[in-house]
Amino acid sequence: MGFEWDGTHFFVGTHDPAFFPMTQRVKNITRGNARVSLVVDDQVSVDPWVVRGIKVLGKAEIVEHKGIFGQGKYLRITPRVSVSWGLEPLEKGQWTSRKVHK
């Protein structure tokens, strides 16, 4: 599985088209539950310890898309709320930033 961001939506797909319909997320969407979350994080440094990431809550749909794995089925996630850490400067005492998307 991999993802891309076009500035409005996240597109999540796989290099193996046979694997896509077997994922729990795709099964949930086809059963009518389009609410999803996506977490992307990484470790920038060990010394000093620096991590960053984002958690996106939103609505997903299965679409035909030409993306990072070529033409095929992808999840298109429309963000509703995102929570990030380590991506932008915060006020003292804060460790996350929360944004509501319209």
C-alpha atoms as a PDB file:
ATOM      1  CA  MET A   1       0.000   0.000   0.000  1.00  0.00           C
ATOM      2  CA  GLY A   2       1.121   3.532  -0.721  1.00  0.00           C
ATOM      3  CA  PHE A   3      -0.416   6.967  -0.836  1.00  0.00           C
ATOM      4  CA  GLU A   4      -0.234  10.281  -2.638  1.00  0.00           C
ATOM      5  CA  TRP A   5      -1.683  13.717  -1.824  1.00  0.00           C
ATOM      6  CA  ASP A   6      -3.013  16.051  -4.523  1.00  0.00           C
ATOM      7  CA  GLY A   7      -3.653  19.015  -2.219  1.00  0.00           C
ATOM      8  CA  THR A   8      -7.304  18.044  -1.686  1.00  0.00           C
ATOM      9  CA  HIS A   9      -7.455  14.249  -1.400  1.00  0.00           C
ATOM     10  CA  PHE A  10      -5.266  11.349  -0.365  1.00  0.00           C
ATOM     11  CA  PHE A  11      -5.197   8.469  -2.840  1.00  0.00           C
ATOM     12  CA  VAL A  12      -4.299   5.077  -1.352  1.00  0.00           C
ATOM     13  CA  GLY A  13      -3.494   2.155  -3.617  1.00  0.00           C
ATOM     14  CA  THR A  14      -1.393  -0.948  -4.028  1.00  0.00           C
ATOM     15  CA  HIS A  15       0.979  -2.359  -6.617  1.00  0.00           C
ATOM     16  CA  ASP A  16      -1.006  -5.638  -6.553  1.00  0.00           C
ATOM     17  CA  PRO A  17      -4.580  -5.159  -7.879  1.00  0.00           C
ATOM     18  CA  ALA A  18      -5.592  -8.572  -6.461  1.00  0.00           C
ATOM     19  CA  PHE A  19      -4.706  -7.400  -2.934  1.00  0.00           C
ATOM     20  CA  PHE A  20      -6.802  -4.196  -3.007  1.00  0.00           C
ATOM     21  CA  PRO A  21     -10.295  -5.755  -2.603  1.00  0.00           C
ATOM     22  CA  MET A  22      -9.059  -8.036   0.202  1.00  0.00           C
ATOM     23  CA  THR A  23      -8.147  -5.198   2.573  1.00  0.00           C
ATOM     24  CA  GLN A  24     -10.413  -4.613   5.559  1.00  0.00           C
ATOM     25  CA  ARG A  25     -10.719  -0.941   4.691  1.00  0.00           C
ATOM     26  CA  VAL A  26     -12.088  -1.700   1.205  1.00  0.00           C
ATOM     27  CA  LYS A  27     -14.469  -4.294   2.641  1.00  0.00           C
ATOM     28  CA  ASN A  28     -15.762  -1.741   5.169  1.00  0.00           C
ATOM     29  CA  ILE A  29     -16.352   0.862   2.460  1.00  0.00           C
ATOM     30  CA  THR A  30     -18.222  -1.566   0.196  1.00  0.00           C
ATOM     31  CA  ARG A  31     -20.424  -2.450   3.206  1.00  0.00           C
ATOM     32  CA  GLY A  32     -21.344   1.224   3.661  1.00  0.00           C
ATOM     33  CA  ASN A  33     -18.843   2.437   6.263  1.00  0.00           C
ATOM     34  CA  ALA A  34     -16.880   5.153   4.476  1.00  0.00           C
ATOM     35  CA  ARG A  35     -15.338   6.655   7.638  1.00  0.00           C
ATOM     36  CA  VAL A  36     -11.585   6.080   7.638  1.00  0.00           C
ATOM     37  CA  SER A  37      -8.396   7.171   9.311  1.00  0.00           C
ATOM     38  CA  LEU A  38      -4.941   7.360   7.787  1.00  0.00           C
ATOM     39  CA  VAL A  39      -1.743   7.769   9.801  1.00  0.00           C
ATOM     40  CA  VAL A  40       1.586   8.670   8.224  1.00  0.00           C
ATOM     41  CA  ASP A  41       4.619   9.110  10.468  1.00  0.00           C
ATOM     42  CA  ASP A  42       8.370   8.893  10.423  1.00  0.00           C
ATOM     43  CA  GLN A  43      11.400   9.316  12.626  1.00  0.00           C
ATOM     44  CA  VAL A  44      13.524  12.249  11.545  1.00  0.00           C
ATOM     45  CA  SER A  45      16.332  11.718  14.045  1.00  0.00           C
ATOM     46  CA  VAL A  46      17.309   9.505  16.974  1.00  0.00           C
ATOM     47  CA  ASP A  47      19.670  11.972  18.665  1.00  0.00           C
ATOM     48  CA  PRO A  48      17.960  14.252  19.301  1.00  0.00           C
ATOM     49  CA  TRP A  49      14.713  12.272  19.218  1.00  0.00           C
ATOM     50  CA  VAL A  50      12.542  13.869  16.529  1.00  0.00           C
ATOM     51  CA  VAL A  51       9.364  12.317  15.170  1.00  0.00           C
ATOM     52  CA  ARG A  52       6.631  13.759  12.994  1.00  0.00           C
ATOM     53  CA  GLY A  53       3.363  12.603  11.583  1.00  0.00           C
ATOM     54  CA  ILE A  54      -0.229  13.242  10.692  1.00  0.00           C
ATOM     55  CA  LYS A  55      -3.486  11.441  11.431  1.00  0.00           C
ATOM     56  CA  VAL A  56      -6.289  12.158   8.972  1.00  0.00           C
ATOM     57  CA  LEU A  57      -9.933  11.354   9.693  1.00  0.00           C
ATOM     58  CA  GLY A  58     -12.221  11.498   6.717  1.00  0.00           C
ATOM     59  CA  LYS A  59     -14.518   9.869   4.219  1.00  0.00           C
ATOM     60  CA  ALA A  60     -13.280   7.416   1.593  1.00  0.00           C
ATOM     61  CA  GLU A  61     -14.623   6.162  -1.675  1.00  0.00           C
ATOM     62  CA  ILE A  62     -13.302   3.656  -4.182  1.00  0.00           C
ATOM     63  CA  VAL A  63     -12.378   5.347  -7.461  1.00  0.00           C
ATOM     64  CA  GLU A  64     -10.607   4.586 -10.703  1.00  0.00           C
ATOM     65  CA  HIS A  65      -7.408   6.661 -10.719  1.00  0.00           C
ATOM     66  CA  LYS A  66      -4.046   6.873 -12.445  1.00  0.00           C
ATOM     67  CA  GLY A  67      -1.674   7.204  -9.522  1.00  0.00           C
ATOM     68  CA  ILE A  68       1.650   6.060  -8.134  1.00  0.00           C
ATOM     69  CA  PHE A  69       0.875   2.417  -9.030  1.00  0.00           C
ATOM     70  CA  GLY A  70      -0.564   3.226 -12.457  1.00  0.00           C
ATOM     71  CA  GLN A  71      -4.202   3.021 -13.555  1.00  0.00           C
ATOM     72  CA  GLY A  72      -6.495   1.123 -11.211  1.00  0.00           C
ATOM     73  CA  LYS A  73      -8.670   1.183  -8.101  1.00  0.00           C
ATOM     74  CA  TYR A  74      -7.684   3.564  -5.313  1.00  0.00           C
ATOM     75  CA  LEU A  75      -9.251   4.864  -2.148  1.00  0.00           C
ATOM     76  CA  ARG A  76      -9.858   8.597  -2.391  1.00  0.00           C
ATOM     77  CA  ILE A  77      -9.887  10.019   1.116  1.00  0.00           C
ATOM     78  CA  THR A  78     -11.414  13.437   1.711  1.00  0.00           C
ATOM     79  CA  PRO A  79     -10.000  14.793   4.984  1.00  0.00           C
ATOM     80  CA  ARG A  80     -12.418  16.148   7.603  1.00  0.00           C
ATOM     81  CA  VAL A  81     -10.052  16.494  10.559  1.00  0.00           C
ATOM     82  CA  SER A  82      -6.280  16.168  10.759  1.00  0.00           C
ATOM     83  CA  VAL A  83      -3.987  16.060  13.759  1.00  0.00           C
ATOM     84  CA  SER A  84      -0.265  16.536  13.198  1.00  0.00           C
ATOM     85  CA  TRP A  85       2.866  16.486  15.313  1.00  0.00           C
ATOM     86  CA  GLY A  86       6.385  17.611  14.508  1.00  0.00           C
ATOM     87  CA  LEU A  87       5.367  19.272  11.235  1.00  0.00           C
ATOM     88  CA  GLU A  88       4.962  22.895  12.249  1.00  0.00           C
ATOM     89  CA  PRO A  89       6.030  25.165  15.106  1.00  0.00           C
ATOM     90  CA  LEU A  90       3.652  25.020  18.070  1.00  0.00           C
ATOM     91  CA  GLU A  91       3.085  27.152  21.120  1.00  0.00           C
ATOM     92  CA  LYS A  92       4.928  26.158  24.274  1.00  0.00           C
ATOM     93  CA  GLY A  93       3.176  23.229  25.962  1.00  0.00           C
ATOM     94  CA  GLN A  94       1.491  21.990  22.768  1.00  0.00           C
ATOM     95  CA  TRP A  95       2.612  18.839  20.991  1.00  0.00           C
ATOM     96  CA  THR A  96      -0.099  18.509  18.346  1.00  0.00           C
ATOM     97  CA  SER A  97      -1.919  20.739  15.905  1.00  0.00           C
ATOM     98  CA  ARG A  98      -5.578  20.044  15.002  1.00  0.00           C
ATOM     99  CA  LYS A  99      -7.252  21.275  11.818  1.00  0.00           C
ATOM    100  CA  VAL A 100     -10.858  20.909  10.674  1.00  0.00           C
ATOM    101  CA  HIS A 101     -11.161  20.737   6.881  1.00  0.00           C
ATOM    102  CA  LYS A 102     -14.202  22.166   5.126  1.00  0.00           C
END
